[in-house]
Amino acid sequence: QVQLVESGGGLVQAGGSLTVSCAASGIIFSVYDMGWYRQAPGKQRELVARITSGGSTNYADSVKGRFTISRDNAKNTVYLQMSSLKPDDTTVYYCNARHSTLNYWGQGTQVTVSS
């Protein structure tokens, strides 16, 4: 059974930092491209950051220079380090694992940035 379990969300003041984690099980983690998405109420889910199995990364323009995605294949975990957080970053963040036609989602973790 595949599980992606996010953790680390919470409340932070604007300008602050927060790191969210996603622990994967039931998959061969090292071959999966991993990503973080977010979805605000009434809006489509959008890509925040992605890291390939080979370690290449890409980011949404809105988070470039502020967020960093990384992975630890030994721990089957992907991280999203968020800094200089803004109230607009407030929403639910979802972990995604993708390999070929296989596509899995976590349950999401809430990040709230207060002004």
C-alpha atoms as a PDB file:
ATOM      1  CA  GLN A   1       0.000   0.000   0.000  1.00  0.00           C
ATOM      2  CA  VAL A   2       1.410   3.340  -1.063  1.00  0.00           C
ATOM      3  CA  GLN A   3       1.422   6.097   1.520  1.00  0.00           C
ATOM      4  CA  LEU A   4       2.679   9.661   1.338  1.00  0.00           C
ATOM      5  CA  VAL A   5       2.509  11.292   4.744  1.00  0.00           C
ATOM      6  CA  GLU A   6       3.135  15.012   4.991  1.00  0.00           C
ATOM      7  CA  SER A   7       4.169  16.715   8.197  1.00  0.00           C
ATOM      8  CA  GLY A   8       5.561  20.004   9.413  1.00  0.00           C
ATOM      9  CA  GLY A   9       2.787  22.353   8.425  1.00  0.00           C
ATOM     10  CA  GLY A  10       1.568  24.997  10.806  1.00  0.00           C
ATOM     11  CA  LEU A  11       1.275  28.674  11.568  1.00  0.00           C
ATOM     12  CA  VAL A  12       4.131  31.071  10.906  1.00  0.00           C
ATOM     13  CA  GLN A  13       4.473  34.828  10.720  1.00  0.00           C
ATOM     14  CA  ALA A  14       5.129  36.583   7.433  1.00  0.00           C
ATOM     15  CA  GLY A  15       8.830  36.595   6.699  1.00  0.00           C
ATOM     16  CA  GLY A  16       9.351  33.422   8.657  1.00  0.00           C
ATOM     17  CA  SER A  17      10.449  29.961   7.643  1.00  0.00           C
ATOM     18  CA  LEU A  18       8.939  26.509   7.737  1.00  0.00           C
ATOM     19  CA  THR A  19       9.931  23.092   6.444  1.00  0.00           C
ATOM     20  CA  VAL A  20       7.389  20.478   5.437  1.00  0.00           C
ATOM     21  CA  SER A  21       8.284  16.835   4.941  1.00  0.00           C
ATOM     22  CA  CYS A  22       6.751  13.938   3.077  1.00  0.00           C
ATOM     23  CA  ALA A  23       7.588  10.382   4.068  1.00  0.00           C
ATOM     24  CA  ALA A  24       6.842   7.775   1.437  1.00  0.00           C
ATOM     25  CA  SER A  25       6.230   4.077   1.862  1.00  0.00           C
ATOM     26  CA  GLY A  26       5.141   1.307  -0.457  1.00  0.00           C
ATOM     27  CA  ILE A  27       7.128   2.639  -3.410  1.00  0.00           C
ATOM     28  CA  ILE A  28      10.685   2.423  -4.655  1.00  0.00           C
ATOM     29  CA  PHE A  29      11.257   6.016  -3.647  1.00  0.00           C
ATOM     30  CA  SER A  30      14.516   6.565  -5.505  1.00  0.00           C
ATOM     31  CA  VAL A  31      12.958   6.094  -8.950  1.00  0.00           C
ATOM     32  CA  TYR A  32      10.094   8.490  -8.381  1.00  0.00           C
ATOM     33  CA  ASP A  33       9.983  12.141  -9.254  1.00  0.00           C
ATOM     34  CA  MET A  34       8.692  13.943  -6.187  1.00  0.00           C
ATOM     35  CA  GLY A  35       6.795  17.177  -6.021  1.00  0.00           C
ATOM     36  CA  TRP A  36       5.025  19.631  -3.807  1.00  0.00           C
ATOM     37  CA  TYR A  37       1.779  21.196  -4.950  1.00  0.00           C
ATOM     38  CA  ARG A  38      -0.606  23.576  -3.278  1.00  0.00           C
ATOM     39  CA  GLN A  39      -4.273  24.322  -3.675  1.00  0.00           C
ATOM     40  CA  ALA A  40      -6.125  27.287  -2.332  1.00  0.00           C
ATOM     41  CA  PRO A  41      -9.916  27.108  -1.919  1.00  0.00           C
ATOM     42  CA  GLY A  42     -11.649  27.556  -5.240  1.00  0.00           C
ATOM     43  CA  LYS A  43      -8.418  27.352  -7.206  1.00  0.00           C
ATOM     44  CA  GLN A  44      -6.680  24.661  -9.177  1.00  0.00           C
ATOM     45  CA  ARG A  45      -3.863  22.689  -7.629  1.00  0.00           C
ATOM     46  CA  GLU A  46      -0.571  24.200  -8.725  1.00  0.00           C
ATOM     47  CA  LEU A  47       2.978  22.940  -8.800  1.00  0.00           C
ATOM     48  CA  VAL A  48       5.226  24.516  -6.204  1.00  0.00           C
ATOM     49  CA  ALA A  49       8.422  22.537  -6.705  1.00  0.00           C
ATOM     50  CA  ARG A  50       9.565  19.278  -8.188  1.00  0.00           C
ATOM     51  CA  ILE A  51      12.669  17.144  -7.864  1.00  0.00           C
ATOM     52  CA  THR A  52      13.368  14.334 -10.276  1.00  0.00           C
ATOM     53  CA  SER A  53      14.795  10.953  -9.407  1.00  0.00           C
ATOM     54  CA  GLY A  54      18.092  12.299 -10.694  1.00  0.00           C
ATOM     55  CA  GLY A  55      17.976  15.353  -8.463  1.00  0.00           C
ATOM     56  CA  SER A  56      17.000  18.037 -10.973  1.00  0.00           C
ATOM     57  CA  THR A  57      14.680  20.654  -9.583  1.00  0.00           C
ATOM     58  CA  ASN A  58      12.183  23.168 -10.862  1.00  0.00           C
ATOM     59  CA  TYR A  59      10.078  25.761  -9.094  1.00  0.00           C
ATOM     60  CA  ALA A  60       7.040  27.902  -9.641  1.00  0.00           C
ATOM     61  CA  ASP A  61       8.031  31.470 -10.394  1.00  0.00           C
ATOM     62  CA  SER A  62       6.196  32.626  -7.286  1.00  0.00           C
ATOM     63  CA  VAL A  63       8.495  30.674  -4.969  1.00  0.00           C
ATOM     64  CA  LYS A  64      11.847  30.824  -6.762  1.00  0.00           C
ATOM     65  CA  GLY A  65      14.557  32.031  -4.426  1.00  0.00           C
ATOM     66  CA  ARG A  66      12.387  31.429  -1.364  1.00  0.00           C
ATOM     67  CA  PHE A  67      11.637  27.690  -1.399  1.00  0.00           C
ATOM     68  CA  THR A  68      14.008  24.761  -1.721  1.00  0.00           C
ATOM     69  CA  ILE A  69      13.017  21.184  -2.461  1.00  0.00           C
ATOM     70  CA  SER A  70      15.304  18.310  -1.516  1.00  0.00           C
ATOM     71  CA  ARG A  71      15.119  14.571  -1.075  1.00  0.00           C
ATOM     72  CA  ASP A  72      16.760  11.933   1.086  1.00  0.00           C
ATOM     73  CA  ASN A  73      16.476   8.591  -0.659  1.00  0.00           C
ATOM     74  CA  ALA A  74      17.830   6.785   2.380  1.00  0.00           C
ATOM     75  CA  LYS A  75      14.883   8.078   4.400  1.00  0.00           C
ATOM     76  CA  ASN A  76      12.306   7.935   1.579  1.00  0.00           C
ATOM     77  CA  THR A  77      11.536  11.546   2.351  1.00  0.00           C
ATOM     78  CA  VAL A  78      11.174  14.736   0.360  1.00  0.00           C
ATOM     79  CA  TYR A  79      11.399  18.152   1.971  1.00  0.00           C
ATOM     80  CA  LEU A  80      10.246  21.642   1.122  1.00  0.00           C
ATOM     81  CA  GLN A  81      12.117  24.389   2.922  1.00  0.00           C
ATOM     82  CA  MET A  82      10.137  27.598   2.797  1.00  0.00           C
ATOM     83  CA  SER A  83      11.537  30.969   3.736  1.00  0.00           C
ATOM     84  CA  SER A  84      10.447  34.591   3.423  1.00  0.00           C
ATOM     85  CA  LEU A  85       6.924  33.299   3.684  1.00  0.00           C
ATOM     86  CA  LYS A  86       4.061  35.522   2.612  1.00  0.00           C
ATOM     87  CA  PRO A  87       0.368  35.445   3.491  1.00  0.00           C
ATOM     88  CA  ASP A  88      -0.263  34.429  -0.136  1.00  0.00           C
ATOM     89  CA  ASP A  89       1.583  31.183   0.610  1.00  0.00           C
ATOM     90  CA  THR A  90      -1.234  30.180   2.951  1.00  0.00           C
ATOM     91  CA  THR A  91      -2.936  27.030   1.730  1.00  0.00           C
ATOM     92  CA  VAL A  92      -2.779  23.239   1.832  1.00  0.00           C
ATOM     93  CA  TYR A  93       0.436  21.698   0.513  1.00  0.00           C
ATOM     94  CA  TYR A  94       0.332  18.261  -1.090  1.00  0.00           C
ATOM     95  CA  CYS A  95       3.114  15.790  -1.715  1.00  0.00           C
ATOM     96  CA  ASN A  96       3.165  13.993  -5.064  1.00  0.00           C
ATOM     97  CA  ALA A  97       5.067  10.952  -6.293  1.00  0.00           C
ATOM     98  CA  ARG A  98       5.188  10.181  -9.996  1.00  0.00           C
ATOM     99  CA  HIS A  99       6.832   7.441 -12.037  1.00  0.00           C
ATOM    100  CA  SER A 100       5.714   6.493 -15.535  1.00  0.00           C
ATOM    101  CA  THR A 101       1.926   6.109 -15.294  1.00  0.00           C
ATOM    102  CA  LEU A 102       1.968   5.845 -11.505  1.00  0.00           C
ATOM    103  CA  ASN A 103       0.859   8.952  -9.641  1.00  0.00           C
ATOM    104  CA  TYR A 104       0.257   9.236  -5.897  1.00  0.00           C
ATOM    105  CA  TRP A 105      -0.819  12.029  -3.552  1.00  0.00           C
ATOM    106  CA  GLY A 106      -0.536  12.693   0.115  1.00  0.00           C
ATOM    107  CA  GLN A 107      -3.379  13.969   2.250  1.00  0.00           C
ATOM    108  CA  GLY A 108      -1.997  17.481   2.501  1.00  0.00           C
ATOM    109  CA  THR A 109      -0.658  19.690   5.251  1.00  0.00           C
ATOM    110  CA  GLN A 110      -1.915  23.162   6.072  1.00  0.00           C
ATOM    111  CA  VAL A 111       0.494  26.080   6.014  1.00  0.00           C
ATOM    112  CA  THR A 112      -0.802  29.365   7.366  1.00  0.00           C
ATOM    113  CA  VAL A 113       1.197  32.581   7.146  1.00  0.00           C
ATOM    114  CA  SER A 114      -0.048  35.420   9.300  1.00  0.00           C
ATOM    115  CA  SER A 115       0.526  39.034   8.336  1.00  0.00           C
END
